[in-house]
Amino acid sequence: MKVALVGTNWGRIHINIFRRLGMDINLLIGKNLEKSQQIAKQEGIAKASNSLEDLSSVDLIILATPASTHLDIIKAFPDKAIWCEKPVSLAHIDESELDYQQLSRCYVNYAFPHLNSVKLATNIIREGRLGRVQSVMIKCGFNLPGDKSFSEWYSDIIIHPFSYVHHLFGKFELQMAYQMPEHNHISSVFTTKNIQMDMSFYRSHEAGMLFDITFIGEKSDLHLKGGYKPYSHWHFDPVKVDSVPQNAGEHSKDEDIWLQANAEAARLFLHTINGEITTNEAKASGLYNLKRAINMEKALLDALKAI
């Protein structure tokens, strides 16, 4: 199987991930040809290009370009297997233009459900130890460098825990979203038929990202807390049920646990497109095909429209 990587920034993490899974990158495509050639030489990739037309010669595309370009590339190569970085898009999508059956081998890299601490929380919830989950509370703080607007940071960061809760409980509908003028804080409320989810997103004084998630059940509560700090990578505190630790926590030692989660998502993707696991098994494990990803992202787009 011939593999192409489109994108020369964050996309570089996929080179070693796919090599570890037994697949070499054969083609690297970037806007700047000279930069692409330099990276290809450094990474041992046979060919570099700045033309998307070269994708016609490969079987699998790893798409790590800006979100605004994703759909045009996906629609241009419907016959390819595509592993697309999240999100699919930050704009409204006309689904009438998409043939989901034709694009059935397009999946989106939502890695948060594949963190070991998050998988432990999933097992506890699915085993029924909390009873019926009634509400979810998410607090998400961040302080990262970059020239993105606050709403762009919102869609880029809050989508991590949002995709996880969507994976567990299905589609949520927006009930309310509010941001005071000139304040770096967005509050939003989403619901399913039986669950209310309250999300608070704010700019913190502490560098990095923090995710603080509480599941409130009829019998017990589960607390999941972790995130990313510069120079110390990703980490999670012990998962707690009614304040009782269920593990020792999760820390990046020999390898960043976020890269491990990305590798697990990519492994499931390859097993799915190769027919080694079913699409239902992939979904149950937290994998997002194109249709599922777009349906999940719609709710966050609704929140951005409301503020």
Protein backbone atom coordinates (compact mmCIF):
# COMPACT_ATOMS: atom_id res chain seq x y z
CA MET A 1 0.00 0.00 0.00
CA LYS A 2 1.43 3.37 -1.05
CA VAL A 3 0.99 6.13 1.53
CA ALA A 4 1.10 9.93 1.16
CA LEU A 5 1.30 12.54 3.90
CA VAL A 6 -0.19 15.94 3.07
CA GLY A 7 1.04 18.58 5.53
CA THR A 8 4.49 19.36 6.89
CA ASN A 9 3.79 20.72 10.37
CA TRP A 10 1.74 18.61 12.84
CA GLY A 11 1.57 15.99 10.11
CA ARG A 12 5.15 14.94 10.81
CA ILE A 13 4.07 13.02 13.92
CA HIS A 14 2.31 10.54 11.64
CA ILE A 15 5.54 9.49 9.95
CA ASN A 16 6.85 7.48 12.91
CA ILE A 17 3.35 6.43 13.98
CA PHE A 18 2.67 4.75 10.63
CA ARG A 19 6.20 3.32 10.45
CA ARG A 20 5.64 1.64 13.80
CA LEU A 21 2.47 0.17 12.31
CA GLY A 22 4.50 -1.27 9.44
CA MET A 23 3.79 1.37 6.81
CA ASP A 24 6.31 3.77 5.25
CA ILE A 25 5.34 7.16 3.86
CA ASN A 26 6.13 7.16 0.13
CA LEU A 27 5.17 10.74 -0.70
CA LEU A 28 5.21 14.03 1.22
CA ILE A 29 3.18 16.98 -0.07
CA GLY A 30 3.39 20.54 1.22
CA LYS A 31 2.72 24.04 -0.08
CA ASN A 32 6.42 24.93 0.01
CA LEU A 33 8.30 22.50 -2.25
CA GLU A 34 11.75 23.32 -0.86
CA LYS A 35 10.58 22.77 2.72
CA SER A 36 8.87 19.52 1.72
CA GLN A 37 12.04 18.29 0.04
CA GLN A 38 14.12 19.10 3.13
CA ILE A 39 11.72 17.26 5.43
CA ALA A 40 11.48 14.30 3.06
CA LYS A 41 15.27 14.00 3.08
CA GLN A 42 15.40 14.22 6.88
CA GLU A 43 12.66 11.61 7.28
CA GLY A 44 13.79 9.22 4.55
CA ILE A 45 10.71 9.75 2.36
CA ALA A 46 11.32 8.90 -1.29
CA LYS A 47 9.42 11.76 -2.95
CA ALA A 48 8.35 15.31 -2.10
CA SER A 49 5.89 17.44 -4.01
CA ASN A 50 3.71 20.54 -3.82
CA SER A 51 1.03 19.15 -6.15
CA LEU A 52 -2.09 17.36 -4.93
CA GLU A 53 -2.34 15.70 -8.35
CA ASP A 54 0.41 13.33 -7.22
CA LEU A 55 -2.06 11.79 -4.76
CA SER A 56 -3.60 9.86 -7.65
CA SER A 57 -0.69 7.40 -7.42
CA VAL A 58 -1.19 6.40 -3.75
CA ASP A 59 -3.65 4.18 -1.88
CA LEU A 60 -3.84 5.95 1.49
CA ILE A 61 -3.75 9.67 2.27
CA ILE A 62 -2.84 11.11 5.68
CA LEU A 63 -4.41 14.54 5.65
CA ALA A 64 -2.83 17.04 8.06
CA THR A 65 -3.50 20.36 6.35
CA PRO A 66 -5.50 23.31 7.79
CA ALA A 67 -9.11 22.34 8.51
CA SER A 68 -10.40 24.76 5.87
CA THR A 69 -8.81 22.58 3.15
CA HIS A 70 -9.93 19.14 4.36
CA LEU A 71 -13.24 18.71 2.57
CA ASP A 72 -11.99 19.84 -0.84
CA ILE A 73 -9.19 17.27 -0.70
CA ILE A 74 -11.47 14.53 0.65
CA LYS A 75 -14.02 15.11 -2.12
CA ALA A 76 -11.28 15.18 -4.78
CA PHE A 77 -10.08 11.65 -3.87
CA PRO A 78 -13.15 9.58 -2.92
CA ASP A 79 -11.51 6.33 -4.02
CA LYS A 80 -8.68 6.64 -1.47
CA ALA A 81 -8.46 5.57 2.14
CA ILE A 82 -8.07 8.84 4.09
CA TRP A 83 -6.90 9.47 7.65
CA CYS A 84 -7.88 13.09 8.29
CA GLU A 85 -6.71 15.22 11.21
CA LYS A 86 -9.48 16.72 13.30
CA PRO A 87 -11.65 18.66 12.80
CA VAL A 88 -13.18 17.92 9.42
CA SER A 89 -14.17 21.57 9.09
CA LEU A 90 -14.80 24.70 11.12
CA ALA A 91 -17.55 25.83 8.75
CA HIS A 92 -21.03 24.65 7.83
CA ILE A 93 -20.99 21.54 5.62
CA ASP A 94 -23.59 20.85 2.95
CA GLU A 95 -23.93 17.09 3.40
CA SER A 96 -25.90 16.80 0.16
CA GLU A 97 -22.54 17.22 -1.58
CA LEU A 98 -21.09 14.17 0.20
CA ASP A 99 -21.54 10.56 -0.81
CA TYR A 100 -20.84 8.84 2.50
CA GLN A 101 -20.94 5.40 0.92
CA GLN A 102 -18.27 6.42 -1.58
CA LEU A 103 -16.27 8.03 1.25
CA SER A 104 -16.67 5.05 3.59
CA ARG A 105 -12.88 4.68 4.00
CA CYS A 106 -12.43 8.25 5.25
CA TYR A 107 -11.85 8.49 9.02
CA VAL A 108 -11.02 11.41 11.30
CA ASN A 109 -8.31 11.34 13.96
CA TYR A 110 -10.04 11.98 17.27
CA ALA A 111 -7.46 10.56 19.67
CA PHE A 112 -8.89 11.58 23.08
CA PRO A 113 -11.03 8.42 23.53
CA HIS A 114 -7.86 6.32 23.06
CA LEU A 115 -5.91 7.65 26.05
CA ASN A 116 -5.53 4.85 28.63
CA SER A 117 -7.11 6.89 31.44
CA VAL A 118 -10.05 7.76 29.20
CA LYS A 119 -10.46 4.11 28.18
CA LEU A 120 -10.54 3.15 31.87
CA ALA A 121 -13.27 5.73 32.47
CA THR A 122 -15.19 4.33 29.49
CA ASN A 123 -15.06 0.80 30.90
CA ILE A 124 -16.27 1.96 34.32
CA ILE A 125 -19.20 3.83 32.77
CA ARG A 126 -20.14 0.98 30.43
CA GLU A 127 -19.99 -1.54 33.27
CA GLY A 128 -22.75 0.46 34.97
CA ARG A 129 -20.77 1.33 38.09
CA LEU A 130 -22.11 4.89 38.07
CA GLY A 131 -25.68 3.84 37.37
CA ARG A 132 -27.41 5.87 34.69
CA VAL A 133 -25.31 8.94 33.89
CA GLN A 134 -27.46 12.03 34.39
CA SER A 135 -25.06 14.87 33.72
CA VAL A 136 -21.55 15.67 32.60
CA MET A 137 -19.53 18.72 33.64
CA ILE A 138 -16.49 19.77 31.62
CA LYS A 139 -14.08 22.54 32.62
CA CYS A 140 -11.37 23.29 30.10
CA GLY A 141 -8.64 25.87 30.59
CA PHE A 142 -5.85 26.74 28.20
CA ASN A 143 -2.93 29.09 27.73
CA LEU A 144 -1.06 28.37 24.51
CA PRO A 145 0.99 30.47 22.09
CA GLY A 146 -0.48 31.30 18.70
CA ASP A 147 -2.50 33.91 16.86
CA LYS A 148 -5.85 32.09 16.85
CA SER A 149 -8.98 33.87 17.97
CA PHE A 150 -10.61 32.75 21.22
CA SER A 151 -13.43 31.05 19.29
CA GLU A 152 -10.86 29.21 17.15
CA TRP A 153 -9.14 27.95 20.33
CA TYR A 154 -12.56 26.87 21.60
CA SER A 155 -13.28 24.69 18.58
CA ASP A 156 -9.73 23.33 18.50
CA ILE A 157 -9.46 22.36 22.19
CA ILE A 158 -12.92 21.74 23.65
CA ILE A 159 -13.55 19.27 20.85
CA HIS A 160 -11.24 16.79 22.61
CA PRO A 161 -13.52 16.05 25.59
CA PHE A 162 -16.64 16.83 23.54
CA SER A 163 -15.77 14.07 21.04
CA TYR A 164 -15.29 11.67 23.94
CA VAL A 165 -18.66 12.39 25.55
CA HIS A 166 -20.31 12.18 22.12
CA HIS A 167 -18.62 8.80 21.64
CA LEU A 168 -20.16 7.57 24.90
CA PHE A 169 -23.68 8.95 24.62
CA GLY A 170 -24.35 9.96 21.02
CA LYS A 171 -25.60 13.21 19.56
CA PHE A 172 -25.99 16.30 21.77
CA GLU A 173 -28.11 19.35 20.95
CA LEU A 174 -27.07 22.87 21.90
CA GLN A 175 -29.34 24.54 24.46
CA MET A 176 -27.30 27.62 25.31
CA ALA A 177 -23.92 29.21 24.61
CA TYR A 178 -22.74 32.54 25.99
CA GLN A 179 -19.62 34.68 26.01
CA MET A 180 -19.53 38.09 27.66
CA PRO A 181 -18.08 40.75 25.36
CA GLU A 182 -14.28 40.86 25.53
CA HIS A 183 -14.22 38.03 28.07
CA ASN A 184 -12.09 34.92 27.47
CA HIS A 185 -14.73 32.53 28.78
CA ILE A 186 -17.43 30.57 26.94
CA SER A 187 -20.19 28.73 28.80
CA SER A 188 -22.39 26.25 26.95
CA VAL A 189 -25.05 23.65 27.70
CA PHE A 190 -25.85 20.62 25.53
CA THR A 191 -28.39 17.85 26.07
CA THR A 192 -29.46 14.45 24.86
CA LYS A 193 -32.83 13.00 25.83
CA ASN A 194 -31.49 11.95 29.24
CA ILE A 195 -28.19 13.77 29.85
CA GLN A 196 -27.21 17.40 30.38
CA MET A 197 -23.64 18.47 29.64
CA ASP A 198 -22.29 21.77 30.95
CA MET A 199 -19.04 23.05 29.43
CA SER A 200 -16.88 25.91 30.63
CA PHE A 201 -13.98 27.01 28.43
CA TYR A 202 -11.60 29.74 29.58
CA ARG A 203 -8.15 31.21 29.11
CA SER A 204 -6.01 30.32 32.11
CA HIS A 205 -2.89 31.96 33.54
CA GLU A 206 -1.18 28.55 33.63
CA ALA A 207 0.54 27.45 30.42
CA GLY A 208 -0.86 24.38 28.67
CA MET A 209 -4.29 22.73 28.54
CA LEU A 210 -6.37 21.33 31.39
CA PHE A 211 -9.39 19.02 31.06
CA ASP A 212 -11.50 18.48 34.18
CA ILE A 213 -14.43 16.14 33.49
CA THR A 214 -17.02 14.86 35.96
CA PHE A 215 -19.67 12.24 35.15
CA ILE A 216 -22.56 12.31 37.64
CA GLY A 217 -24.50 9.06 37.84
CA GLU A 218 -27.46 7.82 39.83
CA LYS A 219 -25.15 5.74 42.05
CA SER A 220 -21.68 7.27 41.80
CA ASP A 221 -19.59 10.02 40.26
CA LEU A 222 -16.45 9.66 38.12
CA HIS A 223 -13.73 12.29 37.91
CA LEU A 224 -11.23 12.48 35.03
CA LYS A 225 -8.59 15.20 35.09
CA GLY A 226 -5.49 15.78 32.99
CA GLY A 227 -4.01 17.59 30.06
CA TYR A 228 -0.85 19.03 28.62
CA LYS A 229 1.92 21.20 30.03
CA PRO A 230 4.84 22.54 27.99
CA TYR A 231 8.06 20.59 28.52
CA SER A 232 6.27 17.87 30.54
CA HIS A 233 3.87 16.60 27.85
CA TRP A 234 0.48 14.99 28.51
CA HIS A 235 -0.56 13.59 31.88
CA PHE A 236 -3.64 12.42 33.78
CA ASP A 237 -4.35 12.24 37.48
CA PRO A 238 -5.76 8.97 38.82
CA VAL A 239 -9.29 8.28 37.59
CA LYS A 240 -11.56 8.52 40.63
CA VAL A 241 -14.97 7.06 41.46
CA ASP A 242 -16.47 8.81 44.48
CA SER A 243 -12.97 10.15 45.24
CA VAL A 244 -11.44 6.64 45.26
CA PRO A 245 -8.51 6.24 42.79
CA GLN A 246 -9.02 3.53 40.17
CA ASN A 247 -5.46 3.66 38.77
CA ALA A 248 -2.13 5.35 39.44
CA GLY A 249 -2.61 8.07 36.88
CA GLU A 250 -0.98 8.34 33.48
CA HIS A 251 2.24 10.16 32.70
CA SER A 252 4.48 10.63 29.68
CA LYS A 253 7.80 8.90 30.34
CA ASP A 254 9.54 7.19 27.44
CA GLU A 255 6.87 8.47 25.05
CA ASP A 256 4.18 11.13 25.18
CA ILE A 257 0.86 9.46 26.02
CA TRP A 258 -0.84 11.72 23.45
CA LEU A 259 1.32 10.21 20.71
CA GLN A 260 0.40 6.76 22.02
CA ALA A 261 -3.30 7.65 21.77
CA ASN A 262 -2.80 8.90 18.20
CA ALA A 263 -1.00 5.65 17.35
CA GLU A 264 -3.86 3.58 18.78
CA ALA A 265 -6.41 5.53 16.73
CA ALA A 266 -4.30 5.01 13.58
CA ARG A 267 -4.00 1.28 14.35
CA LEU A 268 -7.77 0.93 14.58
CA PHE A 269 -8.16 2.88 11.34
CA LEU A 270 -5.80 0.53 9.47
CA HIS A 271 -7.51 -2.55 10.91
CA THR A 272 -10.86 -1.15 9.77
CA ILE A 273 -9.93 -0.30 6.19
CA ASN A 274 -8.17 -3.68 5.89
CA GLY A 275 -11.32 -5.49 7.02
CA GLU A 276 -9.73 -6.89 10.20
CA ILE A 277 -12.41 -5.33 12.42
CA THR A 278 -15.93 -4.28 11.53
CA THR A 279 -17.10 -0.69 11.30
CA ASN A 280 -19.30 -1.28 14.36
CA GLU A 281 -16.32 -2.56 16.33
CA ALA A 282 -14.32 0.47 15.23
CA LYS A 283 -17.11 2.81 16.34
CA ALA A 284 -17.40 1.09 19.72
CA SER A 285 -13.66 1.60 20.21
CA GLY A 286 -13.94 5.35 19.58
CA LEU A 287 -13.10 5.62 15.90
CA TYR A 288 -14.84 8.38 13.93
CA ASN A 289 -15.75 7.88 10.29
CA LEU A 290 -16.46 10.98 8.22
CA LYS A 291 -20.23 11.03 8.79
CA ARG A 292 -19.95 10.51 12.54
CA ALA A 293 -17.31 13.24 12.83
CA ILE A 294 -19.36 15.78 10.86
CA ASN A 295 -22.49 15.07 12.92
CA MET A 296 -20.51 15.51 16.15
CA GLU A 297 -18.86 18.75 15.02
CA LYS A 298 -22.22 20.32 14.07
CA ALA A 299 -23.13 20.92 17.72
CA LEU A 300 -19.94 22.86 18.37
CA LEU A 301 -20.50 24.92 15.23
CA ASP A 302 -23.97 25.74 16.58
CA ALA A 303 -22.33 26.98 19.80
CA LEU A 304 -19.94 29.23 17.88
CA LYS A 305 -22.84 30.70 15.91
CA ALA A 306 -24.69 31.44 19.16
CA ILE A 307 -21.95 33.49 20.82
